[in-house]
Amino acid sequence: MPIKSGLTDVDVPCIPFHEMIFSEMRRYGNEIALVNNDTDETFTFEDILLKTKYIANSLLAMGIEKGE
């Protein structure tokens, strides 16, 4: 059964999900994405993108491969 919504349709690009997310993170760059309510520390989209890539590269360096 199709799901219907009263909202406007959204065009979703035909690219892998992570590429779409990374593209949006680059687009918003230095804008604040997250705030730690306990410490008021802020994280920009660029901060999160860099940390994500660091973790991914670290996993690859440990020998963990795609799909594991």
PDB file of N, CA and C in Angstrom:
ATOM      1  N   MET A   1       0.846  -1.168   0.000  1.00  0.00           N
ATOM      2  CA  MET A   1       0.000   0.000   0.000  1.00  0.00           C
ATOM      3  C   MET A   1       0.897   1.239   0.000  1.00  0.00           C
ATOM      4  N   PRO A   2       0.720   2.150  -0.958  1.00  0.00           N
ATOM      5  CA  PRO A   2       1.515   3.379  -0.999  1.00  0.00           C
ATOM      6  C   PRO A   2       1.200   4.277   0.188  1.00  0.00           C
ATOM      7  N   ILE A   3       2.207   4.967   0.631  1.00  0.00           N
ATOM      8  CA  ILE A   3       2.022   5.936   1.711  1.00  0.00           C
ATOM      9  C   ILE A   3       1.792   7.296   1.078  1.00  0.00           C
ATOM     10  N   LYS A   4       0.778   7.990   1.529  1.00  0.00           N
ATOM     11  CA  LYS A   4       0.458   9.308   0.981  1.00  0.00           C
ATOM     12  C   LYS A   4       0.724  10.362   2.042  1.00  0.00           C
ATOM     13  N   SER A   5       1.109  11.541   1.562  1.00  0.00           N
ATOM     14  CA  SER A   5       1.377  12.658   2.452  1.00  0.00           C
ATOM     15  C   SER A   5       0.815  13.925   1.840  1.00  0.00           C
ATOM     16  N   GLY A   6       0.392  14.827   2.685  1.00  0.00           N
ATOM     17  CA  GLY A   6      -0.087  16.122   2.226  1.00  0.00           C
ATOM     18  C   GLY A   6       1.045  17.095   1.953  1.00  0.00           C
ATOM     19  N   LEU A   7       2.272  16.689   2.259  1.00  0.00           N
ATOM     20  CA  LEU A   7       3.434  17.549   2.048  1.00  0.00           C
ATOM     21  C   LEU A   7       3.884  17.518   0.598  1.00  0.00           C
ATOM     22  N   THR A   8       4.633  18.526   0.210  1.00  0.00           N
ATOM     23  CA  THR A   8       5.169  18.612  -1.145  1.00  0.00           C
ATOM     24  C   THR A   8       6.173  17.495  -1.378  1.00  0.00           C
ATOM     25  N   ASP A   9       6.168  16.937  -2.597  1.00  0.00           N
ATOM     26  CA  ASP A   9       7.138  15.900  -2.947  1.00  0.00           C
ATOM     27  C   ASP A   9       8.552  16.458  -2.889  1.00  0.00           C
ATOM     28  N   VAL A  10       9.488  15.604  -2.525  1.00  0.00           N
ATOM     29  CA  VAL A  10      10.895  15.979  -2.449  1.00  0.00           C
ATOM     30  C   VAL A  10      11.663  15.119  -3.435  1.00  0.00           C
ATOM     31  N   ASP A  11      12.498  15.751  -4.247  1.00  0.00           N
ATOM     32  CA  ASP A  11      13.350  14.999  -5.163  1.00  0.00           C
ATOM     33  C   ASP A  11      14.552  14.473  -4.396  1.00  0.00           C
ATOM     34  N   VAL A  12      14.717  13.177  -4.406  1.00  0.00           N
ATOM     35  CA  VAL A  12      15.855  12.548  -3.745  1.00  0.00           C
ATOM     36  C   VAL A  12      16.816  12.099  -4.832  1.00  0.00           C
ATOM     37  N   PRO A  13      18.060  12.601  -4.785  1.00  0.00           N
ATOM     38  CA  PRO A  13      19.010  12.223  -5.834  1.00  0.00           C
ATOM     39  C   PRO A  13      19.311  10.732  -5.813  1.00  0.00           C
ATOM     40  N   CYS A  14      19.613  10.196  -6.968  1.00  0.00           N
ATOM     41  CA  CYS A  14      19.912   8.770  -7.088  1.00  0.00           C
ATOM     42  C   CYS A  14      21.408   8.547  -6.841  1.00  0.00           C
ATOM     43  N   ILE A  15      21.815   8.773  -5.589  1.00  0.00           N
ATOM     44  CA  ILE A  15      23.204   8.569  -5.169  1.00  0.00           C
ATOM     45  C   ILE A  15      23.181   7.826  -3.842  1.00  0.00           C
ATOM     46  N   PRO A  16      24.285   7.200  -3.462  1.00  0.00           N
ATOM     47  CA  PRO A  16      24.315   6.527  -2.161  1.00  0.00           C
ATOM     48  C   PRO A  16      23.972   7.499  -1.028  1.00  0.00           C
ATOM     49  N   PHE A  17      23.293   6.983  -0.019  1.00  0.00           N
ATOM     50  CA  PHE A  17      22.808   7.812   1.088  1.00  0.00           C
ATOM     51  C   PHE A  17      23.936   8.603   1.737  1.00  0.00           C
ATOM     52  N   HIS A  18      25.080   7.936   1.999  1.00  0.00           N
ATOM     53  CA  HIS A  18      26.175   8.638   2.680  1.00  0.00           C
ATOM     54  C   HIS A  18      26.709   9.791   1.836  1.00  0.00           C
ATOM     55  N   GLU A  19      26.701   9.659   0.513  1.00  0.00           N
ATOM     56  CA  GLU A  19      27.159  10.753  -0.344  1.00  0.00           C
ATOM     57  C   GLU A  19      26.208  11.944  -0.255  1.00  0.00           C
ATOM     58  N   MET A  20      24.921  11.667  -0.174  1.00  0.00           N
ATOM     59  CA  MET A  20      23.938  12.736  -0.038  1.00  0.00           C
ATOM     60  C   MET A  20      24.139  13.467   1.294  1.00  0.00           C
ATOM     61  N   ILE A  21      24.338  12.695   2.376  1.00  0.00           N
ATOM     62  CA  ILE A  21      24.550  13.297   3.694  1.00  0.00           C
ATOM     63  C   ILE A  21      25.830  14.118   3.704  1.00  0.00           C
ATOM     64  N   PHE A  22      26.930  13.561   3.187  1.00  0.00           N
ATOM     65  CA  PHE A  22      28.203  14.285   3.163  1.00  0.00           C
ATOM     66  C   PHE A  22      28.083  15.562   2.333  1.00  0.00           C
ATOM     67  N   SER A  23      27.357  15.508   1.235  1.00  0.00           N
ATOM     68  CA  SER A  23      27.162  16.687   0.398  1.00  0.00           C
ATOM     69  C   SER A  23      26.458  17.795   1.180  1.00  0.00           C
ATOM     70  N   GLU A  24      25.433  17.428   1.925  1.00  0.00           N
ATOM     71  CA  GLU A  24      24.715  18.413   2.737  1.00  0.00           C
ATOM     72  C   GLU A  24      25.601  18.954   3.853  1.00  0.00           C
ATOM     73  N   MET A  25      26.435  18.096   4.434  1.00  0.00           N
ATOM     74  CA  MET A  25      27.334  18.553   5.496  1.00  0.00           C
ATOM     75  C   MET A  25      28.336  19.568   4.945  1.00  0.00           C
ATOM     76  N   ARG A  26      28.849  19.317   3.739  1.00  0.00           N
ATOM     77  CA  ARG A  26      29.766  20.278   3.112  1.00  0.00           C
ATOM     78  C   ARG A  26      29.039  21.586   2.797  1.00  0.00           C
ATOM     79  N   ARG A  27      27.795  21.467   2.401  1.00  0.00           N
ATOM     80  CA  ARG A  27      26.999  22.651   2.051  1.00  0.00           C
ATOM     81  C   ARG A  27      26.825  23.581   3.252  1.00  0.00           C
ATOM     82  N   TYR A  28      26.615  23.002   4.429  1.00  0.00           N
ATOM     83  CA  TYR A  28      26.381  23.816   5.622  1.00  0.00           C
ATOM     84  C   TYR A  28      27.665  24.123   6.389  1.00  0.00           C
ATOM     85  N   GLY A  29      28.759  23.451   6.030  1.00  0.00           N
ATOM     86  CA  GLY A  29      30.101  23.736   6.521  1.00  0.00           C
ATOM     87  C   GLY A  29      30.248  24.210   7.951  1.00  0.00           C
ATOM     88  N   ASN A  30      30.444  25.506   8.128  1.00  0.00           N
ATOM     89  CA  ASN A  30      30.762  26.059   9.445  1.00  0.00           C
ATOM     90  C   ASN A  30      29.545  26.445  10.271  1.00  0.00           C
ATOM     91  N   GLU A  31      28.367  26.072   9.817  1.00  0.00           N
ATOM     92  CA  GLU A  31      27.179  26.326  10.630  1.00  0.00           C
ATOM     93  C   GLU A  31      27.117  25.305  11.761  1.00  0.00           C
ATOM     94  N   ILE A  32      26.582  25.707  12.887  1.00  0.00           N
ATOM     95  CA  ILE A  32      26.502  24.823  14.051  1.00  0.00           C
ATOM     96  C   ILE A  32      25.485  23.714  13.793  1.00  0.00           C
ATOM     97  N   ALA A  33      25.934  22.475  14.023  1.00  0.00           N
ATOM     98  CA  ALA A  33      25.075  21.307  13.831  1.00  0.00           C
ATOM     99  C   ALA A  33      24.590  20.758  15.167  1.00  0.00           C
ATOM    100  N   LEU A  34      25.476  20.762  16.165  1.00  0.00           N
ATOM    101  CA  LEU A  34      25.161  20.195  17.479  1.00  0.00           C
ATOM    102  C   LEU A  34      25.706  21.090  18.584  1.00  0.00           C
ATOM    103  N   VAL A  35      25.007  21.101  19.719  1.00  0.00           N
ATOM    104  CA  VAL A  35      25.479  21.820  20.902  1.00  0.00           C
ATOM    105  C   VAL A  35      25.393  20.871  22.082  1.00  0.00           C
ATOM    106  N   ASN A  36      26.498  20.755  22.833  1.00  0.00           N
ATOM    107  CA  ASN A  36      26.507  19.969  24.060  1.00  0.00           C
ATOM    108  C   ASN A  36      25.883  20.841  25.147  1.00  0.00           C
ATOM    109  N   ASN A  37      24.714  20.459  25.626  1.00  0.00           N
ATOM    110  CA  ASN A  37      24.009  21.273  26.618  1.00  0.00           C
ATOM    111  C   ASN A  37      24.735  21.354  27.950  1.00  0.00           C
ATOM    112  N   ASP A  38      25.556  20.364  28.270  1.00  0.00           N
ATOM    113  CA  ASP A  38      26.283  20.382  29.540  1.00  0.00           C
ATOM    114  C   ASP A  38      27.462  21.346  29.514  1.00  0.00           C
ATOM    115  N   THR A  39      28.167  21.405  28.380  1.00  0.00           N
ATOM    116  CA  THR A  39      29.398  22.199  28.295  1.00  0.00           C
ATOM    117  C   THR A  39      29.286  23.402  27.365  1.00  0.00           C
ATOM    118  N   ASP A  40      28.193  23.508  26.632  1.00  0.00           N
ATOM    119  CA  ASP A  40      27.999  24.540  25.605  1.00  0.00           C
ATOM    120  C   ASP A  40      28.986  24.420  24.448  1.00  0.00           C
ATOM    121  N   GLU A  41      29.691  23.291  24.356  1.00  0.00           N
ATOM    122  CA  GLU A  41      30.592  23.065  23.232  1.00  0.00           C
ATOM    123  C   GLU A  41      29.746  22.897  21.976  1.00  0.00           C
ATOM    124  N   THR A  42      30.202  23.516  20.887  1.00  0.00           N
ATOM    125  CA  THR A  42      29.475  23.416  19.626  1.00  0.00           C
ATOM    126  C   THR A  42      30.280  22.612  18.615  1.00  0.00           C
ATOM    127  N   PHE A  43      29.567  21.993  17.704  1.00  0.00           N
ATOM    128  CA  PHE A  43      30.166  21.218  16.626  1.00  0.00           C
ATOM    129  C   PHE A  43      29.528  21.674  15.322  1.00  0.00           C
ATOM    130  N   THR A  44      30.362  22.023  14.358  1.00  0.00           N
ATOM    131  CA  THR A  44      29.847  22.421  13.048  1.00  0.00           C
ATOM    132  C   THR A  44      29.653  21.177  12.186  1.00  0.00           C
ATOM    133  N   PHE A  45      28.979  21.354  11.071  1.00  0.00           N
ATOM    134  CA  PHE A  45      28.821  20.250  10.131  1.00  0.00           C
ATOM    135  C   PHE A  45      30.184  19.788   9.631  1.00  0.00           C
ATOM    136  N   GLU A  46      31.104  20.740   9.432  1.00  0.00           N
ATOM    137  CA  GLU A  46      32.458  20.394   8.989  1.00  0.00           C
ATOM    138  C   GLU A  46      33.177  19.556  10.046  1.00  0.00           C
ATOM    139  N   ASP A  47      33.026  19.919  11.334  1.00  0.00           N
ATOM    140  CA  ASP A  47      33.621  19.132  12.425  1.00  0.00           C
ATOM    141  C   ASP A  47      33.149  17.681  12.358  1.00  0.00           C
ATOM    142  N   ILE A  48      31.855  17.505  12.204  1.00  0.00           N
ATOM    143  CA  ILE A  48      31.281  16.158  12.180  1.00  0.00           C
ATOM    144  C   ILE A  48      31.756  15.391  10.952  1.00  0.00           C
ATOM    145  N   LEU A  49      31.816  16.063   9.809  1.00  0.00           N
ATOM    146  CA  LEU A  49      32.291  15.422   8.584  1.00  0.00           C
ATOM    147  C   LEU A  49      33.732  14.952   8.750  1.00  0.00           C
ATOM    148  N   LEU A  50      34.591  15.803   9.300  1.00  0.00           N
ATOM    149  CA  LEU A  50      35.995  15.434   9.498  1.00  0.00           C
ATOM    150  C   LEU A  50      36.138  14.270  10.476  1.00  0.00           C
ATOM    151  N   LYS A  51      35.370  14.296  11.567  1.00  0.00           N
ATOM    152  CA  LYS A  51      35.433  13.207  12.550  1.00  0.00           C
ATOM    153  C   LYS A  51      34.923  11.896  11.946  1.00  0.00           C
ATOM    154  N   THR A  52      33.891  11.982  11.127  1.00  0.00           N
ATOM    155  CA  THR A  52      33.347  10.796  10.463  1.00  0.00           C
ATOM    156  C   THR A  52      34.374  10.174   9.532  1.00  0.00           C
ATOM    157  N   LYS A  53      35.045  11.016   8.750  1.00  0.00           N
ATOM    158  CA  LYS A  53      36.074  10.515   7.832  1.00  0.00           C
ATOM    159  C   LYS A  53      37.258   9.936   8.603  1.00  0.00           C
ATOM    160  N   TYR A  54      37.614  10.561   9.723  1.00  0.00           N
ATOM    161  CA  TYR A  54      38.712  10.055  10.554  1.00  0.00           C
ATOM    162  C   TYR A  54      38.379   8.653  11.071  1.00  0.00           C
ATOM    163  N   ILE A  55      37.164   8.479  11.575  1.00  0.00           N
ATOM    164  CA  ILE A  55      36.746   7.169  12.089  1.00  0.00           C
ATOM    165  C   ILE A  55      36.740   6.137  10.966  1.00  0.00           C
ATOM    166  N   ALA A  56      36.208   6.499   9.807  1.00  0.00           N
ATOM    167  CA  ALA A  56      36.164   5.568   8.672  1.00  0.00           C
ATOM    168  C   ALA A  56      37.569   5.147   8.260  1.00  0.00           C
ATOM    169  N   ASN A  57      38.489   6.105   8.174  1.00  0.00           N
ATOM    170  CA  ASN A  57      39.868   5.777   7.800  1.00  0.00           C
ATOM    171  C   ASN A  57      40.554   4.933   8.863  1.00  0.00           C
ATOM    172  N   SER A  58      40.253   5.181  10.128  1.00  0.00           N
ATOM    173  CA  SER A  58      40.822   4.383  11.214  1.00  0.00           C
ATOM    174  C   SER A  58      40.343   2.937  11.135  1.00  0.00           C
ATOM    175  N   LEU A  59      39.068   2.747  10.842  1.00  0.00           N
ATOM    176  CA  LEU A  59      38.533   1.390  10.711  1.00  0.00           C
ATOM    177  C   LEU A  59      39.192   0.661   9.544  1.00  0.00           C
ATOM    178  N   LEU A  60      39.377   1.360   8.429  1.00  0.00           N
ATOM    179  CA  LEU A  60      40.054   0.754   7.276  1.00  0.00           C
ATOM    180  C   LEU A  60      41.493   0.384   7.626  1.00  0.00           C
ATOM    181  N   ALA A  61      42.184   1.260   8.359  1.00  0.00           N
ATOM    182  CA  ALA A  61      43.570   1.002   8.753  1.00  0.00           C
ATOM    183  C   ALA A  61      43.672  -0.210   9.678  1.00  0.00           C
ATOM    184  N   MET A  62      42.604  -0.483  10.426  1.00  0.00           N
ATOM    185  CA  MET A  62      42.577  -1.648  11.319  1.00  0.00           C
ATOM    186  C   MET A  62      42.226  -2.925  10.564  1.00  0.00           C
ATOM    187  N   GLY A  63      41.943  -2.799   9.272  1.00  0.00           N
ATOM    188  CA  GLY A  63      41.630  -3.973   8.469  1.00  0.00           C
ATOM    189  C   GLY A  63      40.152  -4.282   8.368  1.00  0.00           C
ATOM    190  N   ILE A  64      39.330  -3.419   8.916  1.00  0.00           N
ATOM    191  CA  ILE A  64      37.884  -3.627   8.827  1.00  0.00           C
ATOM    192  C   ILE A  64      37.432  -3.151   7.455  1.00  0.00           C
ATOM    193  N   GLU A  65      36.713  -4.009   6.748  1.00  0.00           N
ATOM    194  CA  GLU A  65      36.313  -3.709   5.380  1.00  0.00           C
ATOM    195  C   GLU A  65      34.819  -3.434   5.281  1.00  0.00           C
ATOM    196  N   LYS A  66      34.446  -2.853   4.159  1.00  0.00           N
ATOM    197  CA  LYS A  66      33.048  -2.559   3.886  1.00  0.00           C
ATOM    198  C   LYS A  66      32.214  -3.829   4.046  1.00  0.00           C
ATOM    199  N   GLY A  67      31.088  -3.710   4.748  1.00  0.00           N
ATOM    200  CA  GLY A  67      30.185  -4.841   4.930  1.00  0.00           C
ATOM    201  C   GLY A  67      30.406  -5.604   6.225  1.00  0.00           C
ATOM    202  N   GLU A  68      31.505  -5.327   6.913  1.00  0.00           N
ATOM    203  CA  GLU A  68      31.777  -6.047   8.170  1.00  0.00           C
ATOM    204  C   GLU A  68      31.121  -5.343   9.335  1.00  0.00           C
TER     205      GLU A  68
END
